[in-house]
Amino acid sequence: MFPRGLEGELTPARTWFALALTLPFPAVGVGLCGAPSPQKLHGVACDQATRRTIPYANVMVLGTRIGTMADGCGMFTLEPPPGRQCLILVMAPGYEKRSLPWPATRDEPAPFVIVRLKPSSHQDGVAH
């Protein structure tokens, strides 16, 4: 489907395409019917060293039962609880866990994030 070797690379074209898919209404915070819509977090998980996307990474809001899994291209959408600061945890086998604050700033949360995970130093890929 993709040219050899480009299956999971995070290219500028893919980043802009993914960003374009997330911006029409969440950027203004209004849904199709004019009612306020909950702010969703859209993003992609990728390898910190190679910049290749990480398919099926787990993404969750710490301290809640809210979570999702990235798709085969590393893309995810998560709807954190509205009106409060929280931590988003991103993890995948073979990588160190990474947490990031949500919203990024109180005034304007980022509609799209790139989460770069560091490969785990454990040989078996399991944290001890």
Protein backbone atom coordinates (compact mmCIF):
# COMPACT_ATOMS: atom_id res chain seq x y z
CA MET A 1 0.00 0.00 0.00
CA PHE A 2 2.87 2.43 0.84
CA PRO A 3 6.29 2.49 -0.81
CA ARG A 4 8.66 0.06 0.85
CA GLY A 5 9.97 1.34 4.18
CA LEU A 6 7.38 4.10 4.61
CA GLU A 7 4.59 2.13 6.27
CA GLY A 8 4.79 3.83 9.66
CA GLU A 9 6.97 6.90 9.20
CA LEU A 10 5.63 10.15 10.57
CA THR A 11 6.09 12.47 7.62
CA PRO A 12 5.15 16.15 7.49
CA ALA A 13 2.43 15.32 4.96
CA ARG A 14 0.87 12.73 7.29
CA THR A 15 1.07 15.11 10.24
CA TRP A 16 -0.67 17.91 8.33
CA PHE A 17 -3.28 15.51 6.95
CA ALA A 18 -4.06 14.23 10.44
CA LEU A 19 -4.16 17.77 11.80
CA ALA A 20 -6.52 18.85 9.01
CA LEU A 21 -8.91 16.05 9.99
CA THR A 22 -9.09 17.31 13.57
CA LEU A 23 -9.49 21.05 13.04
CA PRO A 24 -12.87 21.84 11.43
CA PHE A 25 -14.98 22.07 14.58
CA PRO A 26 -12.93 21.21 17.70
CA ALA A 27 -10.73 24.25 17.07
CA VAL A 28 -13.67 26.57 17.71
CA GLY A 29 -15.27 24.34 20.32
CA VAL A 30 -18.64 24.21 18.59
CA GLY A 31 -20.26 21.14 17.11
CA LEU A 32 -22.42 20.92 14.01
CA CYS A 33 -25.55 21.96 15.90
CA GLY A 34 -23.95 25.01 17.51
CA ALA A 35 -23.81 23.49 21.00
CA PRO A 36 -20.47 23.43 22.82
CA SER A 37 -18.65 20.19 22.08
CA PRO A 38 -16.32 18.44 24.52
CA GLN A 39 -12.68 19.07 23.69
CA LYS A 40 -11.08 15.95 22.30
CA LEU A 41 -7.39 15.17 22.26
CA HIS A 42 -6.13 13.91 18.91
CA GLY A 43 -2.62 12.67 18.44
CA VAL A 44 -0.09 10.17 17.23
CA ALA A 45 2.41 8.00 19.11
CA CYS A 46 5.85 7.65 17.56
CA ASP A 47 9.31 6.33 18.37
CA GLN A 48 11.54 9.08 19.79
CA ALA A 49 14.65 7.86 17.94
CA THR A 50 13.30 6.77 14.55
CA ARG A 51 10.15 8.94 14.37
CA ARG A 52 8.23 5.90 13.11
CA THR A 53 4.68 5.66 14.35
CA ILE A 54 3.79 3.14 17.06
CA PRO A 55 0.66 1.18 16.15
CA TYR A 56 -1.82 0.19 18.87
CA ALA A 57 -0.26 2.24 21.71
CA ASN A 58 -2.47 2.54 24.80
CA VAL A 59 -3.64 6.02 25.80
CA MET A 60 -5.48 6.70 29.07
CA VAL A 61 -6.42 9.42 31.54
CA LEU A 62 -4.70 8.66 34.85
CA GLY A 63 -7.08 8.10 37.76
CA THR A 64 -10.08 7.37 35.53
CA ARG A 65 -11.45 4.55 33.41
CA ILE A 66 -11.16 6.68 30.26
CA GLY A 67 -8.80 5.29 27.65
CA THR A 68 -8.34 4.25 24.06
CA MET A 69 -5.92 2.47 21.76
CA ALA A 70 -4.11 4.02 18.81
CA ASP A 71 -4.95 2.61 15.40
CA GLY A 72 -2.56 0.76 13.09
CA CYS A 73 -0.95 4.08 12.10
CA GLY A 74 -0.42 5.23 15.71
CA MET A 75 -3.28 7.78 15.59
CA PHE A 76 -5.61 8.19 18.57
CA THR A 77 -8.53 10.28 19.82
CA LEU A 78 -9.34 10.64 23.50
CA GLU A 79 -12.02 12.63 25.31
CA PRO A 80 -10.62 13.62 28.72
CA PRO A 81 -13.01 14.79 31.44
CA PRO A 82 -13.99 18.43 30.83
CA GLY A 83 -13.10 21.30 33.11
CA ARG A 84 -10.14 19.91 34.99
CA GLN A 85 -6.44 19.31 34.67
CA CYS A 86 -5.40 15.67 34.27
CA LEU A 87 -2.50 13.53 33.11
CA ILE A 88 -2.62 11.52 29.89
CA LEU A 89 -0.54 8.33 29.96
CA VAL A 90 0.75 6.82 26.70
CA MET A 91 2.38 3.38 26.72
CA ALA A 92 3.33 0.59 24.36
CA PRO A 93 5.26 -2.68 24.70
CA GLY A 94 8.99 -2.08 24.27
CA TYR A 95 8.74 1.62 25.21
CA GLU A 96 8.91 3.65 28.41
CA LYS A 97 5.61 5.13 29.60
CA ARG A 98 5.10 8.84 29.00
CA SER A 99 2.64 11.18 30.68
CA LEU A 100 1.60 14.64 29.55
CA PRO A 101 -0.66 17.24 31.16
CA TRP A 102 -4.09 17.99 29.69
CA PRO A 103 -4.95 20.63 28.80
CA ALA A 104 -1.48 21.71 27.78
CA THR A 105 -2.36 25.25 28.91
CA ARG A 106 -5.47 26.42 30.67
CA ASP A 107 -6.44 28.86 27.91
CA GLU A 108 -6.03 26.82 24.76
CA PRO A 109 -5.37 23.07 24.72
CA ALA A 110 -3.57 21.62 21.73
CA PRO A 111 -6.03 19.83 19.40
CA PHE A 112 -3.25 17.52 18.10
CA VAL A 113 -0.19 16.15 19.92
CA ILE A 114 2.78 14.09 18.83
CA VAL A 115 3.84 11.80 21.68
CA ARG A 116 7.39 10.54 21.27
CA LEU A 117 8.08 7.39 23.29
CA LYS A 118 11.59 6.35 24.26
CA PRO A 119 12.50 2.71 23.58
CA SER A 120 12.71 0.70 26.81
CA SER A 121 16.15 -0.27 28.08
CA HIS A 122 14.78 -3.64 29.31
CA GLN A 123 15.75 -6.58 27.11
CA ASP A 124 12.39 -8.35 27.46
CA GLY A 125 10.34 -5.17 26.92
CA VAL A 126 8.68 -5.52 30.34
CA ALA A 127 9.26 -2.90 33.02
CA HIS A 128 10.33 -4.39 36.35
